[in-house]
């Protein structure tokens, strides 16, 4: 086999290996983006929780919502506004047998 042919085969093999590596590396992009968004959401949630508890600003471990590319209400689980409170006739609101008075408290 001529040297030129050997070099051509080596070049083709190298191109195939590099192409395969690029294709495999491209598959991780979505998972990495998802992980980055979740880490951002965690920081925002921690900051909001510590703010609600009254932790001083210099002692908080999270961060503010500074990234305009991430819609926190849409992309972060648990950061959506709470549902409205239960009305007074909701069956899950009271955990006491029927016929008992309303001033009875049940603790679990």
PDB file of N, CA and C in Angstrom:
ATOM      1  N   UNK A   1       0.855  -1.163   0.000  1.00  0.00           N
ATOM      2  CA  UNK A   1       0.000   0.000   0.000  1.00  0.00           C
ATOM      3  C   UNK A   1       0.908   1.234   0.000  1.00  0.00           C
ATOM      4  N   UNK A   2       0.523   2.210  -0.774  1.00  0.00           N
ATOM      5  CA  UNK A   2       1.313   3.433  -0.850  1.00  0.00           C
ATOM      6  C   UNK A   2       1.143   4.262   0.409  1.00  0.00           C
ATOM      7  N   UNK A   3       2.147   5.086   0.668  1.00  0.00           N
ATOM      8  CA  UNK A   3       2.113   5.952   1.843  1.00  0.00           C
ATOM      9  C   UNK A   3       0.953   6.938   1.760  1.00  0.00           C
ATOM     10  N   UNK A   4       0.667   7.424   0.555  1.00  0.00           N
ATOM     11  CA  UNK A   4      -0.431   8.380   0.377  1.00  0.00           C
ATOM     12  C   UNK A   4      -1.771   7.739   0.728  1.00  0.00           C
ATOM     13  N   UNK A   5      -1.946   6.491   0.371  1.00  0.00           N
ATOM     14  CA  UNK A   5      -3.184   5.776   0.689  1.00  0.00           C
ATOM     15  C   UNK A   5      -3.304   5.562   2.200  1.00  0.00           C
ATOM     16  N   UNK A   6      -2.186   5.196   2.847  1.00  0.00           N
ATOM     17  CA  UNK A   6      -2.204   5.012   4.301  1.00  0.00           C
ATOM     18  C   UNK A   6      -2.561   6.309   5.006  1.00  0.00           C
ATOM     19  N   UNK A   7      -1.978   7.408   4.561  1.00  0.00           N
ATOM     20  CA  UNK A   7      -2.285   8.697   5.172  1.00  0.00           C
ATOM     21  C   UNK A   7      -3.752   9.065   4.976  1.00  0.00           C
ATOM     22  N   UNK A   8      -4.300   8.739   3.816  1.00  0.00           N
ATOM     23  CA  UNK A   8      -5.711   9.012   3.556  1.00  0.00           C
ATOM     24  C   UNK A   8      -6.620   8.205   4.465  1.00  0.00           C
ATOM     25  N   UNK A   9      -6.268   6.935   4.695  1.00  0.00           N
ATOM     26  CA  UNK A   9      -7.060   6.087   5.597  1.00  0.00           C
ATOM     27  C   UNK A   9      -6.977   6.601   7.042  1.00  0.00           C
ATOM     28  N   UNK A  10      -5.785   6.989   7.476  1.00  0.00           N
ATOM     29  CA  UNK A  10      -5.634   7.542   8.816  1.00  0.00           C
ATOM     30  C   UNK A  10      -6.436   8.831   8.972  1.00  0.00           C
ATOM     31  N   UNK A  11      -6.421   9.667   7.957  1.00  0.00           N
ATOM     32  CA  UNK A  11      -7.173  10.925   8.003  1.00  0.00           C
ATOM     33  C   UNK A  11      -8.679  10.642   8.080  1.00  0.00           C
ATOM     34  N   UNK A  12      -9.158   9.661   7.294  1.00  0.00           N
ATOM     35  CA  UNK A  12     -10.576   9.308   7.311  1.00  0.00           C
ATOM     36  C   UNK A  12     -10.979   8.753   8.682  1.00  0.00           C
ATOM     37  N   UNK A  13     -10.109   7.911   9.269  1.00  0.00           N
ATOM     38  CA  UNK A  13     -10.396   7.349  10.581  1.00  0.00           C
ATOM     39  C   UNK A  13     -10.424   8.455  11.635  1.00  0.00           C
ATOM     40  N   UNK A  14      -9.488   9.399  11.539  1.00  0.00           N
ATOM     41  CA  UNK A  14      -9.449  10.506  12.483  1.00  0.00           C
ATOM     42  C   UNK A  14     -10.698  11.376  12.375  1.00  0.00           C
ATOM     43  N   UNK A  15     -11.137  11.649  11.162  1.00  0.00           N
ATOM     44  CA  UNK A  15     -12.361  12.434  10.949  1.00  0.00           C
ATOM     45  C   UNK A  15     -13.575  11.697  11.519  1.00  0.00           C
ATOM     46  N   UNK A  16     -13.636  10.375  11.334  1.00  0.00           N
ATOM     47  CA  UNK A  16     -14.759   9.594  11.867  1.00  0.00           C
ATOM     48  C   UNK A  16     -14.768   9.612  13.393  1.00  0.00           C
ATOM     49  N   UNK A  17     -13.602   9.504  14.012  1.00  0.00           N
ATOM     50  CA  UNK A  17     -13.522   9.521  15.475  1.00  0.00           C
ATOM     51  C   UNK A  17     -13.930  10.888  16.022  1.00  0.00           C
ATOM     52  N   UNK A  18     -13.417  11.936  15.401  1.00  0.00           N
ATOM     53  CA  UNK A  18     -13.760  13.292  15.852  1.00  0.00           C
ATOM     54  C   UNK A  18     -15.249  13.561  15.656  1.00  0.00           C
ATOM     55  N   UNK A  19     -15.806  13.128  14.532  1.00  0.00           N
ATOM     56  CA  UNK A  19     -17.242  13.306  14.281  1.00  0.00           C
ATOM     57  C   UNK A  19     -18.090  12.586  15.311  1.00  0.00           C
ATOM     58  N   UNK A  20     -17.699  11.382  15.672  1.00  0.00           N
ATOM     59  CA  UNK A  20     -18.423  10.621  16.689  1.00  0.00           C
ATOM     60  C   UNK A  20     -18.346  11.314  18.049  1.00  0.00           C
ATOM     61  N   UNK A  21     -17.178  11.820  18.402  1.00  0.00           N
ATOM     62  CA  UNK A  21     -17.022  12.514  19.688  1.00  0.00           C
ATOM     63  C   UNK A  21     -17.870  13.776  19.737  1.00  0.00           C
ATOM     64  N   UNK A  22     -17.925  14.520  18.639  1.00  0.00           N
ATOM     65  CA  UNK A  22     -18.734  15.740  18.595  1.00  0.00           C
ATOM     66  C   UNK A  22     -20.214  15.388  18.720  1.00  0.00           C
ATOM     67  N   UNK A  23     -20.639  14.330  18.045  1.00  0.00           N
ATOM     68  CA  UNK A  23     -22.050  13.929  18.116  1.00  0.00           C
ATOM     69  C   UNK A  23     -22.430  13.492  19.530  1.00  0.00           C
ATOM     70  N   UNK A  24     -21.545  12.743  20.177  1.00  0.00           N
ATOM     71  CA  UNK A  24     -21.843  12.293  21.537  1.00  0.00           C
ATOM     72  C   UNK A  24     -21.807  13.447  22.533  1.00  0.00           C
ATOM     73  N   UNK A  25     -20.929  14.389  22.344  1.00  0.00           N
ATOM     74  CA  UNK A  25     -20.835  15.529  23.261  1.00  0.00           C
ATOM     75  C   UNK A  25     -22.046  16.451  23.110  1.00  0.00           C
ATOM     76  N   UNK A  26     -22.643  16.516  21.937  1.00  0.00           N
ATOM     77  CA  UNK A  26     -23.795  17.375  21.707  1.00  0.00           C
ATOM     78  C   UNK A  26     -25.046  16.908  22.426  1.00  0.00           C
ATOM     79  N   UNK A  27     -25.120  15.639  22.779  1.00  0.00           N
ATOM     80  CA  UNK A  27     -26.300  15.102  23.448  1.00  0.00           C
ATOM     81  C   UNK A  27     -26.419  15.570  24.896  1.00  0.00           C
ATOM     82  N   UNK A  28     -25.334  15.955  25.517  1.00  0.00           N
ATOM     83  CA  UNK A  28     -25.353  16.374  26.917  1.00  0.00           C
ATOM     84  C   UNK A  28     -25.797  17.821  27.088  1.00  0.00           C
ATOM     85  N   UNK A  29     -25.913  18.567  26.019  1.00  0.00           N
ATOM     86  CA  UNK A  29     -26.202  19.988  26.123  1.00  0.00           C
ATOM     87  C   UNK A  29     -27.543  20.242  26.809  1.00  0.00           C
ATOM     88  N   UNK A  30     -28.584  19.513  26.437  1.00  0.00           N
ATOM     89  CA  UNK A  30     -29.913  19.723  27.020  1.00  0.00           C
ATOM     90  C   UNK A  30     -29.913  19.390  28.506  1.00  0.00           C
ATOM     91  N   UNK A  31     -29.277  18.295  28.869  1.00  0.00           N
ATOM     92  CA  UNK A  31     -29.231  17.903  30.281  1.00  0.00           C
ATOM     93  C   UNK A  31     -28.453  18.930  31.093  1.00  0.00           C
ATOM     94  N   UNK A  32     -27.369  19.452  30.535  1.00  0.00           N
ATOM     95  CA  UNK A  32     -26.585  20.462  31.247  1.00  0.00           C
ATOM     96  C   UNK A  32     -27.377  21.747  31.420  1.00  0.00           C
ATOM     97  N   UNK A  33     -28.125  22.151  30.394  1.00  0.00           N
ATOM     98  CA  UNK A  33     -28.952  23.356  30.499  1.00  0.00           C
ATOM     99  C   UNK A  33     -30.035  23.174  31.559  1.00  0.00           C
ATOM    100  N   UNK A  34     -30.644  22.002  31.586  1.00  0.00           N
ATOM    101  CA  UNK A  34     -31.679  21.721  32.579  1.00  0.00           C
ATOM    102  C   UNK A  34     -31.107  21.763  34.004  1.00  0.00           C
ATOM    103  N   UNK A  35     -29.909  21.212  34.171  1.00  0.00           N
ATOM    104  CA  UNK A  35     -29.272  21.219  35.474  1.00  0.00           C
ATOM    105  C   UNK A  35     -28.915  22.643  35.897  1.00  0.00           C
ATOM    106  N   UNK A  36     -28.465  23.451  34.956  1.00  0.00           N
ATOM    107  CA  UNK A  36     -28.133  24.836  35.263  1.00  0.00           C
ATOM    108  C   UNK A  36     -29.366  25.611  35.701  1.00  0.00           C
ATOM    109  N   UNK A  37     -30.493  25.398  35.018  1.00  0.00           N
ATOM    110  CA  UNK A  37     -31.742  26.079  35.382  1.00  0.00           C
ATOM    111  C   UNK A  37     -32.192  25.636  36.768  1.00  0.00           C
ATOM    112  N   UNK A  38     -32.067  24.351  37.081  1.00  0.00           N
ATOM    113  CA  UNK A  38     -32.483  23.862  38.392  1.00  0.00           C
ATOM    114  C   UNK A  38     -31.603  24.436  39.499  1.00  0.00           C
ATOM    115  N   UNK A  39     -30.303  24.571  39.257  1.00  0.00           N
ATOM    116  CA  UNK A  39     -29.422  25.175  40.257  1.00  0.00           C
ATOM    117  C   UNK A  39     -29.785  26.641  40.468  1.00  0.00           C
ATOM    118  N   UNK A  40     -30.107  27.340  39.384  1.00  0.00           N
ATOM    119  CA  UNK A  40     -30.522  28.737  39.492  1.00  0.00           C
ATOM    120  C   UNK A  40     -31.819  28.834  40.300  1.00  0.00           C
ATOM    121  N   UNK A  41     -32.775  27.963  39.984  1.00  0.00           N
ATOM    122  CA  UNK A  41     -34.062  27.967  40.686  1.00  0.00           C
ATOM    123  C   UNK A  41     -33.873  27.684  42.174  1.00  0.00           C
ATOM    124  N   UNK A  42     -32.967  26.786  42.497  1.00  0.00           N
ATOM    125  CA  UNK A  42     -32.709  26.464  43.899  1.00  0.00           C
ATOM    126  C   UNK A  42     -32.171  27.684  44.643  1.00  0.00           C
ATOM    127  N   UNK A  43     -31.269  28.420  44.018  1.00  0.00           N
ATOM    128  CA  UNK A  43     -30.727  29.624  44.639  1.00  0.00           C
ATOM    129  C   UNK A  43     -31.793  30.680  44.857  1.00  0.00           C
ATOM    130  N   UNK A  44     -32.676  30.853  43.870  1.00  0.00           N
ATOM    131  CA  UNK A  44     -33.760  31.830  43.995  1.00  0.00           C
ATOM    132  C   UNK A  44     -34.736  31.403  45.085  1.00  0.00           C
ATOM    133  N   UNK A  45     -35.045  30.112  45.164  1.00  0.00           N
ATOM    134  CA  UNK A  45     -35.981  29.614  46.179  1.00  0.00           C
ATOM    135  C   UNK A  45     -35.408  29.782  47.581  1.00  0.00           C
ATOM    136  N   UNK A  46     -34.126  29.507  47.740  1.00  0.00           N
ATOM    137  CA  UNK A  46     -33.497  29.670  49.053  1.00  0.00           C
ATOM    138  C   UNK A  46     -33.516  31.137  49.465  1.00  0.00           C
ATOM    139  N   UNK A  47     -33.219  32.032  48.530  1.00  0.00           N
ATOM    140  CA  UNK A  47     -33.220  33.465  48.830  1.00  0.00           C
ATOM    141  C   UNK A  47     -34.619  33.918  49.249  1.00  0.00           C
ATOM    142  N   UNK A  48     -35.639  33.476  48.507  1.00  0.00           N
ATOM    143  CA  UNK A  48     -37.018  33.869  48.825  1.00  0.00           C
ATOM    144  C   UNK A  48     -37.453  33.322  50.186  1.00  0.00           C
ATOM    145  N   UNK A  49     -37.084  32.075  50.482  1.00  0.00           N
ATOM    146  CA  UNK A  49     -37.466  31.477  51.765  1.00  0.00           C
ATOM    147  C   UNK A  49     -36.782  32.190  52.928  1.00  0.00           C
ATOM    148  N   UNK A  50     -35.500  32.508  52.754  1.00  0.00           N
ATOM    149  CA  UNK A  50     -34.786  33.202  53.822  1.00  0.00           C
ATOM    150  C   UNK A  50     -35.299  34.629  53.989  1.00  0.00           C
ATOM    151  N   UNK A  51     -35.697  35.253  52.893  1.00  0.00           N
ATOM    152  CA  UNK A  51     -36.282  36.590  52.966  1.00  0.00           C
ATOM    153  C   UNK A  51     -37.599  36.550  53.737  1.00  0.00           C
ATOM    154  N   UNK A  52     -38.405  35.516  53.468  1.00  0.00           N
ATOM    155  CA  UNK A  52     -39.693  35.381  54.162  1.00  0.00           C
ATOM    156  C   UNK A  52     -39.500  35.118  55.656  1.00  0.00           C
ATOM    157  N   UNK A  53     -38.423  34.433  56.021  1.00  0.00           N
ATOM    158  CA  UNK A  53     -38.147  34.159  57.436  1.00  0.00           C
ATOM    159  C   UNK A  53     -37.497  35.333  58.140  1.00  0.00           C
ATOM    160  N   UNK A  54     -37.094  36.353  57.397  1.00  0.00           N
ATOM    161  CA  UNK A  54     -36.499  37.533  57.998  1.00  0.00           C
ATOM    162  C   UNK A  54     -34.997  37.439  58.215  1.00  0.00           C
ATOM    163  N   UNK A  55     -34.324  36.560  57.469  1.00  0.00           N
ATOM    164  CA  UNK A  55     -32.871  36.447  57.586  1.00  0.00           C
ATOM    165  C   UNK A  55     -32.248  37.723  57.020  1.00  0.00           C
ATOM    166  N   UNK A  56     -31.298  38.333  57.713  1.00  0.00           N
ATOM    167  CA  UNK A  56     -30.669  39.552  57.195  1.00  0.00           C
ATOM    168  C   UNK A  56     -30.000  39.298  55.833  1.00  0.00           C
ATOM    169  N   UNK A  57     -29.953  40.321  55.007  1.00  0.00           N
ATOM    170  CA  UNK A  57     -29.439  40.193  53.645  1.00  0.00           C
ATOM    171  C   UNK A  57     -28.025  39.639  53.616  1.00  0.00           C
ATOM    172  N   UNK A  58     -27.177  40.063  54.514  1.00  0.00           N
ATOM    173  CA  UNK A  58     -25.786  39.614  54.487  1.00  0.00           C
ATOM    174  C   UNK A  58     -25.623  38.155  54.918  1.00  0.00           C
ATOM    175  N   UNK A  59     -26.642  37.574  55.519  1.00  0.00           N
ATOM    176  CA  UNK A  59     -26.565  36.182  55.976  1.00  0.00           C
ATOM    177  C   UNK A  59     -27.302  35.203  55.065  1.00  0.00           C
ATOM    178  N   UNK A  60     -27.908  35.676  53.996  1.00  0.00           N
ATOM    179  CA  UNK A  60     -28.657  34.781  53.109  1.00  0.00           C
ATOM    180  C   UNK A  60     -27.707  34.005  52.213  1.00  0.00           C
ATOM    181  N   UNK A  61     -28.080  32.750  51.928  1.00  0.00           N
ATOM    182  CA  UNK A  61     -27.210  31.895  51.123  1.00  0.00           C
ATOM    183  C   UNK A  61     -27.665  31.771  49.682  1.00  0.00           C
ATOM    184  N   UNK A  62     -28.865  32.147  49.360  1.00  0.00           N
ATOM    185  CA  UNK A  62     -29.352  32.078  47.982  1.00  0.00           C
ATOM    186  C   UNK A  62     -28.971  33.328  47.212  1.00  0.00           C
ATOM    187  N   UNK A  63     -29.673  33.557  46.109  1.00  0.00           N
ATOM    188  CA  UNK A  63     -29.434  34.766  45.320  1.00  0.00           C
ATOM    189  C   UNK A  63     -30.751  35.279  44.760  1.00  0.00           C
ATOM    190  N   UNK A  64     -30.751  36.554  44.399  1.00  0.00           N
ATOM    191  CA  UNK A  64     -31.944  37.167  43.816  1.00  0.00           C
ATOM    192  C   UNK A  64     -32.180  36.619  42.408  1.00  0.00           C
ATOM    193  N   UNK A  65     -33.368  36.870  41.899  1.00  0.00           N
ATOM    194  CA  UNK A  65     -33.705  36.495  40.521  1.00  0.00           C
ATOM    195  C   UNK A  65     -33.106  37.551  39.594  1.00  0.00           C
ATOM    196  N   UNK A  66     -31.894  37.306  39.128  1.00  0.00           N
ATOM    197  CA  UNK A  66     -31.177  38.292  38.321  1.00  0.00           C
ATOM    198  C   UNK A  66     -31.157  37.951  36.838  1.00  0.00           C
ATOM    199  N   UNK A  67     -31.475  36.731  36.465  1.00  0.00           N
ATOM    200  CA  UNK A  67     -31.374  36.288  35.066  1.00  0.00           C
ATOM    201  C   UNK A  67     -32.716  36.480  34.368  1.00  0.00           C
ATOM    202  N   UNK A  68     -32.758  37.410  33.415  1.00  0.00           N
ATOM    203  CA  UNK A  68     -34.002  37.674  32.682  1.00  0.00           C
ATOM    204  C   UNK A  68     -34.333  36.583  31.671  1.00  0.00           C
ATOM    205  N   UNK A  69     -33.373  35.715  31.352  1.00  0.00           N
ATOM    206  CA  UNK A  69     -33.617  34.642  30.391  1.00  0.00           C
ATOM    207  C   UNK A  69     -34.416  33.498  30.999  1.00  0.00           C
ATOM    208  N   UNK A  70     -34.410  33.377  32.314  1.00  0.00           N
ATOM    209  CA  UNK A  70     -35.118  32.286  32.995  1.00  0.00           C
ATOM    210  C   UNK A  70     -36.381  32.858  33.620  1.00  0.00           C
ATOM    211  N   UNK A  71     -37.523  32.328  33.226  1.00  0.00           N
ATOM    212  CA  UNK A  71     -38.801  32.736  33.792  1.00  0.00           C
ATOM    213  C   UNK A  71     -39.045  31.866  35.028  1.00  0.00           C
ATOM    214  N   UNK A  72     -38.806  32.436  36.185  1.00  0.00           N
ATOM    215  CA  UNK A  72     -38.836  31.662  37.428  1.00  0.00           C
ATOM    216  C   UNK A  72     -40.205  31.039  37.672  1.00  0.00           C
ATOM    217  N   UNK A  73     -41.276  31.797  37.428  1.00  0.00           N
ATOM    218  CA  UNK A  73     -42.620  31.262  37.691  1.00  0.00           C
ATOM    219  C   UNK A  73     -42.944  30.081  36.783  1.00  0.00           C
ATOM    220  N   UNK A  74     -42.411  30.081  35.564  1.00  0.00           N
ATOM    221  CA  UNK A  74     -42.721  29.013  34.612  1.00  0.00           C
ATOM    222  C   UNK A  74     -41.761  27.829  34.729  1.00  0.00           C
ATOM    223  N   UNK A  75     -40.475  28.094  34.897  1.00  0.00           N
ATOM    224  CA  UNK A  75     -39.470  27.044  34.794  1.00  0.00           C
ATOM    225  C   UNK A  75     -39.058  26.435  36.127  1.00  0.00           C
ATOM    226  N   UNK A  76     -39.348  27.096  37.217  1.00  0.00           N
ATOM    227  CA  UNK A  76     -38.905  26.599  38.518  1.00  0.00           C
ATOM    228  C   UNK A  76     -40.060  25.922  39.254  1.00  0.00           C
ATOM    229  N   UNK A  77     -39.955  24.625  39.514  1.00  0.00           N
ATOM    230  CA  UNK A  77     -41.015  23.962  40.271  1.00  0.00           C
ATOM    231  C   UNK A  77     -41.015  24.458  41.709  1.00  0.00           C
ATOM    232  N   UNK A  78     -42.194  24.696  42.236  1.00  0.00           N
ATOM    233  CA  UNK A  78     -42.301  25.152  43.608  1.00  0.00           C
ATOM    234  C   UNK A  78     -42.258  26.659  43.760  1.00  0.00           C
ATOM    235  N   UNK A  79     -41.955  27.400  42.701  1.00  0.00           N
ATOM    236  CA  UNK A  79     -41.892  28.852  42.790  1.00  0.00           C
ATOM    237  C   UNK A  79     -43.146  29.497  42.209  1.00  0.00           C
ATOM    238  N   UNK A  80     -44.116  28.684  41.839  1.00  0.00           N
ATOM    239  CA  UNK A  80     -45.356  29.233  41.310  1.00  0.00           C
ATOM    240  C   UNK A  80     -46.173  29.828  42.456  1.00  0.00           C
ATOM    241  N   UNK A  81     -46.984  30.823  42.191  1.00  0.00           N
ATOM    242  CA  UNK A  81     -47.815  31.380  43.264  1.00  0.00           C
ATOM    243  C   UNK A  81     -48.723  30.308  43.856  1.00  0.00           C
ATOM    244  N   UNK A  82     -48.981  30.428  45.125  1.00  0.00           N
ATOM    245  CA  UNK A  82     -49.802  29.438  45.821  1.00  0.00           C
ATOM    246  C   UNK A  82     -51.233  29.481  45.323  1.00  0.00           C
ATOM    247  N   UNK A  83     -51.917  28.375  45.447  1.00  0.00           N
ATOM    248  CA  UNK A  83     -53.324  28.299  45.082  1.00  0.00           C
ATOM    249  C   UNK A  83     -54.140  29.059  46.118  1.00  0.00           C
ATOM    250  N   UNK A  84     -55.333  29.466  45.758  1.00  0.00           N
ATOM    251  CA  UNK A  84     -56.155  30.171  46.743  1.00  0.00           C
ATOM    252  C   UNK A  84     -56.472  29.277  47.945  1.00  0.00           C
ATOM    253  N   UNK A  85     -56.726  29.904  49.062  1.00  0.00           N
ATOM    254  CA  UNK A  85     -57.033  29.165  50.287  1.00  0.00           C
ATOM    255  C   UNK A  85     -58.334  28.387  50.125  1.00  0.00           C
ATOM    256  N   UNK A  86     -58.468  27.331  50.906  1.00  0.00           N
ATOM    257  CA  UNK A  86     -59.678  26.526  50.860  1.00  0.00           C
ATOM    258  C   UNK A  86     -60.861  27.332  51.384  1.00  0.00           C
ATOM    259  N   UNK A  87     -62.010  27.100  50.793  1.00  0.00           N
ATOM    260  CA  UNK A  87     -63.191  27.782  51.327  1.00  0.00           C
ATOM    261  C   UNK A  87     -63.676  27.030  52.579  1.00  0.00           C
ATOM    262  N   UNK A  88     -64.616  27.596  53.278  1.00  0.00           N
ATOM    263  CA  UNK A  88     -65.015  27.031  54.560  1.00  0.00           C
ATOM    264  C   UNK A  88     -65.759  25.704  54.426  1.00  0.00           C
ATOM    265  N   UNK A  89     -66.197  25.340  53.235  1.00  0.00           N
ATOM    266  CA  UNK A  89     -66.943  24.093  53.050  1.00  0.00           C
ATOM    267  C   UNK A  89     -66.110  22.985  52.414  1.00  0.00           C
ATOM    268  N   UNK A  90     -64.832  23.190  52.254  1.00  0.00           N
ATOM    269  CA  UNK A  90     -63.990  22.173  51.631  1.00  0.00           C
ATOM    270  C   UNK A  90     -63.889  20.962  52.557  1.00  0.00           C
ATOM    271  N   UNK A  91     -64.018  19.749  52.025  1.00  0.00           N
ATOM    272  CA  UNK A  91     -64.006  18.560  52.880  1.00  0.00           C
ATOM    273  C   UNK A  91     -62.652  18.293  53.535  1.00  0.00           C
ATOM    274  N   UNK A  92     -61.559  18.774  52.952  1.00  0.00           N
ATOM    275  CA  UNK A  92     -60.240  18.496  53.521  1.00  0.00           C
ATOM    276  C   UNK A  92     -59.860  19.478  54.620  1.00  0.00           C
ATOM    277  N   UNK A  93     -60.675  20.476  54.839  1.00  0.00           N
ATOM    278  CA  UNK A  93     -60.305  21.502  55.799  1.00  0.00           C
ATOM    279  C   UNK A  93     -60.468  21.015  57.246  1.00  0.00           C
ATOM    280  N   UNK A  94     -61.479  20.254  57.523  1.00  0.00           N
ATOM    281  CA  UNK A  94     -61.715  19.782  58.879  1.00  0.00           C
ATOM    282  C   UNK A  94     -61.424  18.285  58.962  1.00  0.00           C
ATOM    283  N   UNK A  95     -60.738  17.895  60.007  1.00  0.00           N
ATOM    284  CA  UNK A  95     -60.454  16.481  60.213  1.00  0.00           C
ATOM    285  C   UNK A  95     -61.124  16.033  61.506  1.00  0.00           C
ATOM    286  N   UNK A  96     -62.428  16.107  61.547  1.00  0.00           N
ATOM    287  CA  UNK A  96     -63.162  15.682  62.734  1.00  0.00           C
ATOM    288  C   UNK A  96     -64.448  14.979  62.296  1.00  0.00           C
ATOM    289  N   UNK A  97     -64.963  14.119  63.119  1.00  0.00           N
ATOM    290  CA  UNK A  97     -66.169  13.391  62.752  1.00  0.00           C
ATOM    291  C   UNK A  97     -67.379  14.320  62.672  1.00  0.00           C
ATOM    292  N   UNK A  98     -68.352  13.883  61.903  1.00  0.00           N
ATOM    293  CA  UNK A  98     -69.577  14.681  61.780  1.00  0.00           C
ATOM    294  C   UNK A  98     -70.328  14.679  63.110  1.00  0.00           C
ATOM    295  N   UNK A  99     -70.999  15.765  63.359  1.00  0.00           N
ATOM    296  CA  UNK A  99     -71.756  15.875  64.595  1.00  0.00           C
ATOM    297  C   UNK A  99     -70.981  16.518  65.720  1.00  0.00           C
ATOM    298  N   UNK A 100     -69.671  16.656  65.554  1.00  0.00           N
ATOM    299  CA  UNK A 100     -68.895  17.308  66.608  1.00  0.00           C
ATOM    300  C   UNK A 100     -68.950  18.812  66.417  1.00  0.00           C
ATOM    301  N   UNK A 101     -68.621  19.534  67.461  1.00  0.00           N
ATOM    302  CA  UNK A 101     -68.690  20.992  67.390  1.00  0.00           C
ATOM    303  C   UNK A 101     -67.515  21.546  66.591  1.00  0.00           C
ATOM    304  N   UNK A 102     -67.688  22.753  66.059  1.00  0.00           N
ATOM    305  CA  UNK A 102     -66.661  23.371  65.231  1.00  0.00           C
ATOM    306  C   UNK A 102     -65.471  23.859  66.034  1.00  0.00           C
ATOM    307  N   UNK A 103     -65.608  24.023  67.338  1.00  0.00           N
ATOM    308  CA  UNK A 103     -64.492  24.526  68.113  1.00  0.00           C
ATOM    309  C   UNK A 103     -63.523  23.447  68.556  1.00  0.00           C
ATOM    310  N   UNK A 104     -63.772  22.227  68.157  1.00  0.00           N
ATOM    311  CA  UNK A 104     -62.873  21.137  68.500  1.00  0.00           C
ATOM    312  C   UNK A 104     -61.675  21.161  67.559  1.00  0.00           C
ATOM    313  N   UNK A 105     -60.461  21.095  68.104  1.00  0.00           N
ATOM    314  CA  UNK A 105     -59.244  21.104  67.313  1.00  0.00           C
ATOM    315  C   UNK A 105     -58.644  19.694  67.280  1.00  0.00           C
ATOM    316  N   UNK A 106     -58.170  19.313  66.128  1.00  0.00           N
ATOM    317  CA  UNK A 106     -57.558  17.999  65.961  1.00  0.00           C
ATOM    318  C   UNK A 106     -56.108  18.217  65.550  1.00  0.00           C
ATOM    319  N   UNK A 107     -55.194  17.588  66.258  1.00  0.00           N
ATOM    320  CA  UNK A 107     -53.779  17.696  65.908  1.00  0.00           C
ATOM    321  C   UNK A 107     -53.281  16.347  65.444  1.00  0.00           C
ATOM    322  N   UNK A 108     -52.380  16.385  64.489  1.00  0.00           N
ATOM    323  CA  UNK A 108     -51.793  15.142  63.963  1.00  0.00           C
ATOM    324  C   UNK A 108     -50.326  15.107  64.273  1.00  0.00           C
TER     325      UNK A 108
END
